Amino acid sequence: SPVLPDDIKNYLIDIDGTICDDIPNEEPERMATAALYPDALETLNKWHEQGHYITFFTSRVEEHREVTEIWLKENGFKYHWLLMGKPRGGNYHWVDNHIVRATRFDGKFTDLIDKEATIQVFKP
């Protein structure tokens, strides 16, 4: 995998409930017609055009890959990778030896801003 310059971000972006309607795996017939959330396409494609890496990381299972790829293409998303099978249920905690930032999606894509927050770290 490529080593990214300091000014390039590696975005991991959920699909259901983040860029479109929240559709559970138990209702795959709805995936092909999921409604796109406002500003999702414009924001993500802008990041892609700025050189950032866009990876969709979804709880959809592998058998839903084709319908997902078709939906992303038909809606005009530019991206690098699509990772299927993210564990469902939330409460994600990423442990890595690199800088990790997280942004909780709250219904609207806007510009990202810096904000101080309390995080969990390993005890020294």
N, C-alpha and C. Protein backbone atom coordinates (compact mmCIF):
# COMPACT_ATOMS: atom_id res chain seq x y z
N SER A 1 0.84 -1.18 0.00
CA SER A 1 0.00 0.00 0.00
C SER A 1 0.89 1.24 0.00
N PRO A 2 0.37 2.34 -0.55
CA PRO A 2 1.20 3.54 -0.69
C PRO A 2 1.46 4.24 0.64
N VAL A 3 2.60 4.91 0.74
CA VAL A 3 2.89 5.78 1.87
C VAL A 3 2.35 7.16 1.50
N LEU A 4 1.46 7.67 2.32
CA LEU A 4 0.80 8.93 2.00
C LEU A 4 1.60 10.13 2.47
N PRO A 5 1.63 11.20 1.68
CA PRO A 5 2.24 12.45 2.15
C PRO A 5 1.45 12.99 3.35
N ASP A 6 2.08 13.84 4.14
CA ASP A 6 1.45 14.36 5.35
C ASP A 6 0.14 15.10 5.09
N ASP A 7 0.00 15.71 3.92
CA ASP A 7 -1.20 16.50 3.64
C ASP A 7 -2.32 15.70 2.98
N ILE A 8 -2.12 14.40 2.81
CA ILE A 8 -3.13 13.54 2.20
C ILE A 8 -3.75 12.65 3.27
N LYS A 9 -5.08 12.62 3.29
CA LYS A 9 -5.80 11.81 4.27
C LYS A 9 -6.28 10.51 3.65
N ASN A 10 -6.45 9.52 4.49
CA ASN A 10 -6.95 8.21 4.11
C ASN A 10 -8.32 8.05 4.77
N TYR A 11 -9.36 8.42 4.05
CA TYR A 11 -10.72 8.40 4.61
C TYR A 11 -11.32 7.00 4.56
N LEU A 12 -11.84 6.53 5.68
CA LEU A 12 -12.65 5.31 5.76
C LEU A 12 -14.08 5.78 5.98
N ILE A 13 -14.97 5.48 5.05
CA ILE A 13 -16.31 6.04 5.09
C ILE A 13 -17.35 4.93 5.04
N ASP A 14 -18.27 4.98 5.97
CA ASP A 14 -19.38 4.03 6.00
C ASP A 14 -20.34 4.37 4.86
N ILE A 15 -21.20 3.44 4.51
CA ILE A 15 -22.18 3.69 3.45
C ILE A 15 -23.57 3.91 4.05
N ASP A 16 -24.16 2.87 4.62
CA ASP A 16 -25.55 2.95 5.10
C ASP A 16 -25.65 3.86 6.32
N GLY A 17 -26.51 4.87 6.19
CA GLY A 17 -26.69 5.83 7.27
C GLY A 17 -25.66 6.94 7.27
N THR A 18 -24.73 6.90 6.30
CA THR A 18 -23.70 7.93 6.21
C THR A 18 -23.74 8.66 4.87
N ILE A 19 -23.78 7.91 3.78
CA ILE A 19 -23.90 8.56 2.47
C ILE A 19 -25.27 8.31 1.84
N CYS A 20 -26.05 7.41 2.43
CA CYS A 20 -27.37 7.10 1.89
C CYS A 20 -28.26 6.54 3.00
N ASP A 21 -29.50 6.22 2.63
CA ASP A 21 -30.42 5.60 3.58
C ASP A 21 -29.75 4.45 4.32
N ASP A 22 -30.11 4.28 5.58
CA ASP A 22 -29.57 3.19 6.40
C ASP A 22 -30.34 1.91 6.10
N ILE A 23 -29.73 1.02 5.33
CA ILE A 23 -30.40 -0.20 4.89
C ILE A 23 -29.70 -1.40 5.52
N PRO A 24 -30.42 -2.22 6.29
CA PRO A 24 -29.80 -3.39 6.90
C PRO A 24 -29.54 -4.49 5.87
N ASN A 25 -28.59 -5.36 6.16
CA ASN A 25 -28.26 -6.47 5.27
C ASN A 25 -29.46 -7.38 5.01
N GLU A 26 -30.41 -7.38 5.93
CA GLU A 26 -31.59 -8.24 5.79
C GLU A 26 -32.57 -7.72 4.74
N GLU A 27 -32.31 -6.51 4.19
CA GLU A 27 -33.19 -5.92 3.17
C GLU A 27 -32.38 -5.52 1.93
N PRO A 28 -31.64 -6.45 1.34
CA PRO A 28 -30.77 -6.10 0.21
C PRO A 28 -31.51 -5.60 -1.02
N GLU A 29 -32.79 -5.92 -1.13
CA GLU A 29 -33.56 -5.46 -2.29
C GLU A 29 -33.68 -3.94 -2.32
N ARG A 30 -33.44 -3.26 -1.21
CA ARG A 30 -33.51 -1.79 -1.14
C ARG A 30 -32.19 -1.11 -1.51
N MET A 31 -31.10 -1.87 -1.55
CA MET A 31 -29.78 -1.27 -1.74
C MET A 31 -29.62 -0.57 -3.09
N ALA A 32 -30.22 -1.11 -4.13
CA ALA A 32 -30.06 -0.55 -5.48
C ALA A 32 -30.73 0.80 -5.64
N THR A 33 -31.69 1.10 -4.76
CA THR A 33 -32.44 2.36 -4.89
C THR A 33 -32.29 3.26 -3.67
N ALA A 34 -31.25 3.03 -2.88
CA ALA A 34 -31.03 3.85 -1.68
C ALA A 34 -30.93 5.32 -2.03
N ALA A 35 -31.60 6.16 -1.24
CA ALA A 35 -31.56 7.61 -1.47
C ALA A 35 -30.23 8.18 -0.97
N LEU A 36 -29.60 8.95 -1.82
CA LEU A 36 -28.33 9.60 -1.52
C LEU A 36 -28.54 10.74 -0.52
N TYR A 37 -27.67 10.85 0.48
CA TYR A 37 -27.75 11.95 1.44
C TYR A 37 -27.21 13.24 0.82
N PRO A 38 -27.79 14.38 1.19
CA PRO A 38 -27.34 15.67 0.65
C PRO A 38 -25.85 15.91 0.92
N ASP A 39 -25.17 16.41 -0.06
CA ASP A 39 -23.76 16.82 0.02
C ASP A 39 -22.76 15.67 0.10
N ALA A 40 -23.22 14.43 0.20
CA ALA A 40 -22.28 13.31 0.31
C ALA A 40 -21.42 13.18 -0.94
N LEU A 41 -22.06 13.15 -2.09
CA LEU A 41 -21.33 12.98 -3.35
C LEU A 41 -20.36 14.13 -3.58
N GLU A 42 -20.83 15.35 -3.43
CA GLU A 42 -19.99 16.53 -3.66
C GLU A 42 -18.79 16.55 -2.72
N THR A 43 -19.01 16.26 -1.44
CA THR A 43 -17.93 16.30 -0.46
C THR A 43 -16.90 15.22 -0.72
N LEU A 44 -17.35 13.97 -0.89
CA LEU A 44 -16.41 12.87 -1.07
C LEU A 44 -15.64 12.99 -2.39
N ASN A 45 -16.32 13.40 -3.45
CA ASN A 45 -15.62 13.57 -4.72
C ASN A 45 -14.63 14.73 -4.67
N LYS A 46 -14.95 15.77 -3.88
CA LYS A 46 -14.01 16.88 -3.69
C LYS A 46 -12.75 16.37 -2.99
N TRP A 47 -12.93 15.56 -1.95
CA TRP A 47 -11.77 14.99 -1.25
C TRP A 47 -10.94 14.13 -2.20
N HIS A 48 -11.61 13.33 -3.01
CA HIS A 48 -10.91 12.48 -3.98
C HIS A 48 -10.10 13.34 -4.96
N GLU A 49 -10.73 14.39 -5.48
CA GLU A 49 -10.05 15.28 -6.43
C GLU A 49 -8.87 16.02 -5.78
N GLN A 50 -8.92 16.23 -4.46
CA GLN A 50 -7.82 16.87 -3.74
C GLN A 50 -6.66 15.89 -3.49
N GLY A 51 -6.85 14.64 -3.90
CA GLY A 51 -5.79 13.64 -3.77
C GLY A 51 -5.91 12.73 -2.57
N HIS A 52 -6.96 12.91 -1.76
CA HIS A 52 -7.16 12.05 -0.60
C HIS A 52 -7.64 10.67 -1.04
N TYR A 53 -7.37 9.67 -0.22
CA TYR A 53 -7.80 8.31 -0.51
C TYR A 53 -9.18 8.08 0.10
N ILE A 54 -10.08 7.53 -0.70
CA ILE A 54 -11.45 7.27 -0.27
C ILE A 54 -11.66 5.76 -0.26
N THR A 55 -11.93 5.22 0.92
CA THR A 55 -12.24 3.80 1.07
C THR A 55 -13.58 3.69 1.75
N PHE A 56 -14.51 3.02 1.10
CA PHE A 56 -15.79 2.74 1.75
C PHE A 56 -15.61 1.48 2.59
N PHE A 57 -15.98 1.57 3.86
CA PHE A 57 -15.86 0.48 4.83
C PHE A 57 -17.26 0.23 5.37
N THR A 58 -17.89 -0.83 4.90
CA THR A 58 -19.30 -1.04 5.14
C THR A 58 -19.60 -2.36 5.83
N SER A 59 -20.71 -2.40 6.54
CA SER A 59 -21.17 -3.64 7.17
C SER A 59 -21.91 -4.54 6.18
N ARG A 60 -22.08 -4.06 4.96
CA ARG A 60 -22.68 -4.93 3.94
C ARG A 60 -21.76 -6.14 3.74
N VAL A 61 -22.37 -7.27 3.47
CA VAL A 61 -21.61 -8.51 3.31
C VAL A 61 -21.14 -8.66 1.86
N GLU A 62 -20.22 -9.57 1.65
CA GLU A 62 -19.61 -9.77 0.33
C GLU A 62 -20.64 -10.04 -0.76
N GLU A 63 -21.71 -10.73 -0.44
CA GLU A 63 -22.72 -11.03 -1.46
C GLU A 63 -23.43 -9.76 -1.95
N HIS A 64 -23.26 -8.64 -1.23
CA HIS A 64 -23.85 -7.37 -1.65
C HIS A 64 -22.84 -6.46 -2.37
N ARG A 65 -21.66 -6.98 -2.67
CA ARG A 65 -20.62 -6.16 -3.31
C ARG A 65 -21.09 -5.63 -4.67
N GLU A 66 -21.64 -6.50 -5.52
CA GLU A 66 -22.01 -6.06 -6.87
C GLU A 66 -23.05 -4.95 -6.84
N VAL A 67 -24.13 -5.11 -6.07
CA VAL A 67 -25.16 -4.08 -6.01
C VAL A 67 -24.59 -2.78 -5.43
N THR A 68 -23.66 -2.91 -4.51
CA THR A 68 -23.03 -1.73 -3.90
C THR A 68 -22.14 -1.01 -4.92
N GLU A 69 -21.31 -1.75 -5.64
CA GLU A 69 -20.44 -1.13 -6.65
C GLU A 69 -21.26 -0.46 -7.75
N ILE A 70 -22.34 -1.10 -8.17
CA ILE A 70 -23.21 -0.51 -9.19
C ILE A 70 -23.83 0.78 -8.67
N TRP A 71 -24.33 0.76 -7.42
CA TRP A 71 -24.95 1.95 -6.83
C TRP A 71 -23.94 3.10 -6.73
N LEU A 72 -22.73 2.80 -6.27
CA LEU A 72 -21.69 3.83 -6.17
C LEU A 72 -21.37 4.42 -7.54
N LYS A 73 -21.27 3.57 -8.56
CA LYS A 73 -20.97 4.04 -9.92
C LYS A 73 -22.12 4.87 -10.48
N GLU A 74 -23.34 4.36 -10.35
CA GLU A 74 -24.50 5.08 -10.89
C GLU A 74 -24.70 6.44 -10.23
N ASN A 75 -24.29 6.56 -8.97
CA ASN A 75 -24.43 7.82 -8.26
C ASN A 75 -23.21 8.73 -8.43
N GLY A 76 -22.17 8.24 -9.12
CA GLY A 76 -21.04 9.09 -9.47
C GLY A 76 -19.93 9.20 -8.45
N PHE A 77 -19.85 8.26 -7.49
CA PHE A 77 -18.80 8.33 -6.48
C PHE A 77 -17.44 7.94 -7.06
N LYS A 78 -16.42 8.72 -6.71
CA LYS A 78 -15.03 8.39 -7.03
C LYS A 78 -14.41 7.84 -5.75
N TYR A 79 -13.80 6.67 -5.85
CA TYR A 79 -13.21 6.07 -4.65
C TYR A 79 -12.09 5.11 -5.06
N HIS A 80 -11.33 4.69 -4.08
CA HIS A 80 -10.20 3.80 -4.33
C HIS A 80 -10.51 2.35 -3.97
N TRP A 81 -11.14 2.14 -2.83
CA TRP A 81 -11.38 0.78 -2.36
C TRP A 81 -12.76 0.66 -1.73
N LEU A 82 -13.24 -0.58 -1.69
CA LEU A 82 -14.50 -0.91 -1.04
C LEU A 82 -14.25 -2.13 -0.16
N LEU A 83 -14.35 -1.94 1.15
CA LEU A 83 -14.16 -3.02 2.12
C LEU A 83 -15.51 -3.44 2.67
N MET A 84 -15.82 -4.72 2.55
CA MET A 84 -17.10 -5.25 3.01
C MET A 84 -16.90 -5.94 4.36
N GLY A 85 -18.00 -6.15 5.08
CA GLY A 85 -17.98 -6.98 6.28
C GLY A 85 -17.56 -6.31 7.57
N LYS A 86 -17.67 -4.99 7.65
CA LYS A 86 -17.37 -4.30 8.91
C LYS A 86 -18.31 -4.85 9.99
N PRO A 87 -17.81 -5.17 11.17
CA PRO A 87 -18.71 -5.68 12.22
C PRO A 87 -19.83 -4.69 12.51
N ARG A 88 -21.02 -5.21 12.69
CA ARG A 88 -22.19 -4.36 12.95
C ARG A 88 -22.29 -4.06 14.45
N GLY A 89 -22.92 -2.95 14.75
CA GLY A 89 -23.21 -2.67 16.15
C GLY A 89 -22.56 -1.42 16.70
N GLY A 90 -21.65 -0.83 15.97
CA GLY A 90 -21.05 0.41 16.45
C GLY A 90 -20.04 0.20 17.55
N ASN A 91 -19.80 1.27 18.34
CA ASN A 91 -18.82 1.28 19.41
C ASN A 91 -17.44 0.85 18.91
N TYR A 92 -17.03 1.41 17.78
CA TYR A 92 -15.76 1.06 17.18
C TYR A 92 -14.61 1.74 17.92
N HIS A 93 -13.54 1.02 18.07
CA HIS A 93 -12.34 1.55 18.72
C HIS A 93 -11.14 1.05 17.91
N TRP A 94 -10.48 1.94 17.23
CA TRP A 94 -9.39 1.60 16.34
C TRP A 94 -8.07 1.77 17.08
N VAL A 95 -7.24 0.71 17.10
CA VAL A 95 -5.92 0.76 17.71
C VAL A 95 -4.90 0.62 16.57
N ASP A 96 -3.97 1.56 16.48
CA ASP A 96 -3.02 1.59 15.38
C ASP A 96 -1.75 2.28 15.86
N ASN A 97 -0.64 2.08 15.15
CA ASN A 97 0.59 2.78 15.51
C ASN A 97 0.75 4.08 14.73
N HIS A 98 -0.30 4.49 14.02
CA HIS A 98 -0.31 5.75 13.29
C HIS A 98 -1.38 6.67 13.87
N ILE A 99 -1.35 7.93 13.49
CA ILE A 99 -2.36 8.88 13.93
C ILE A 99 -3.72 8.43 13.40
N VAL A 100 -4.70 8.40 14.29
CA VAL A 100 -6.06 8.02 13.92
C VAL A 100 -6.98 9.16 14.32
N ARG A 101 -7.81 9.59 13.39
CA ARG A 101 -8.82 10.62 13.67
C ARG A 101 -10.17 10.03 13.33
N ALA A 102 -11.18 10.46 14.04
CA ALA A 102 -12.53 9.97 13.76
C ALA A 102 -13.50 11.14 13.72
N THR A 103 -14.48 11.04 12.86
CA THR A 103 -15.53 12.04 12.76
C THR A 103 -16.85 11.30 12.76
N ARG A 104 -17.68 11.59 13.74
CA ARG A 104 -18.98 10.95 13.79
C ARG A 104 -19.93 11.71 12.87
N PHE A 105 -20.52 10.99 11.92
CA PHE A 105 -21.46 11.62 10.99
C PHE A 105 -22.76 11.90 11.72
N ASP A 106 -23.21 13.15 11.60
CA ASP A 106 -24.41 13.57 12.34
C ASP A 106 -25.48 14.11 11.39
N GLY A 107 -25.56 13.53 10.18
CA GLY A 107 -26.64 13.86 9.29
C GLY A 107 -26.35 14.83 8.17
N LYS A 108 -25.19 15.50 8.19
CA LYS A 108 -24.90 16.46 7.13
C LYS A 108 -23.40 16.57 6.91
N PHE A 109 -23.00 16.57 5.64
CA PHE A 109 -21.60 16.80 5.30
C PHE A 109 -21.34 18.29 5.24
N THR A 110 -20.36 18.75 6.01
CA THR A 110 -19.91 20.14 6.00
C THR A 110 -18.39 20.11 6.02
N ASP A 111 -17.76 21.28 6.01
CA ASP A 111 -16.31 21.32 6.14
C ASP A 111 -15.91 20.76 7.49
N LEU A 112 -14.77 20.08 7.53
CA LEU A 112 -14.25 19.57 8.79
C LEU A 112 -13.53 20.70 9.52
N ILE A 113 -13.70 20.74 10.85
CA ILE A 113 -13.03 21.73 11.68
C ILE A 113 -12.28 21.01 12.79
N ASP A 114 -11.30 21.67 13.38
CA ASP A 114 -10.58 21.11 14.52
C ASP A 114 -11.38 21.35 15.78
N LYS A 115 -11.45 20.33 16.65
CA LYS A 115 -12.16 20.44 17.91
C LYS A 115 -11.45 19.54 18.92
N GLU A 116 -11.25 20.06 20.12
CA GLU A 116 -10.63 19.25 21.15
C GLU A 116 -11.68 18.34 21.76
N ALA A 117 -11.27 17.09 22.03
CA ALA A 117 -12.19 16.12 22.61
C ALA A 117 -11.40 15.18 23.50
N THR A 118 -12.08 14.52 24.40
CA THR A 118 -11.45 13.52 25.25
C THR A 118 -11.41 12.20 24.51
N ILE A 119 -10.25 11.56 24.52
CA ILE A 119 -10.11 10.26 23.88
C ILE A 119 -9.51 9.26 24.86
N GLN A 120 -9.68 7.99 24.57
CA GLN A 120 -9.06 6.96 25.39
C GLN A 120 -7.69 6.64 24.82
N VAL A 121 -6.70 6.56 25.72
CA VAL A 121 -5.34 6.21 25.32
C VAL A 121 -4.83 5.13 26.26
N PHE A 122 -3.73 4.47 25.87
CA PHE A 122 -3.13 3.47 26.75
C PHE A 122 -2.43 4.16 27.92
N LYS A 123 -2.55 3.57 29.10
CA LYS A 123 -1.90 4.11 30.29
C LYS A 123 -0.39 4.04 30.11
N PRO A 124 0.34 5.14 30.45
CA PRO A 124 1.81 5.13 30.28
C PRO A 124 2.49 4.11 31.18
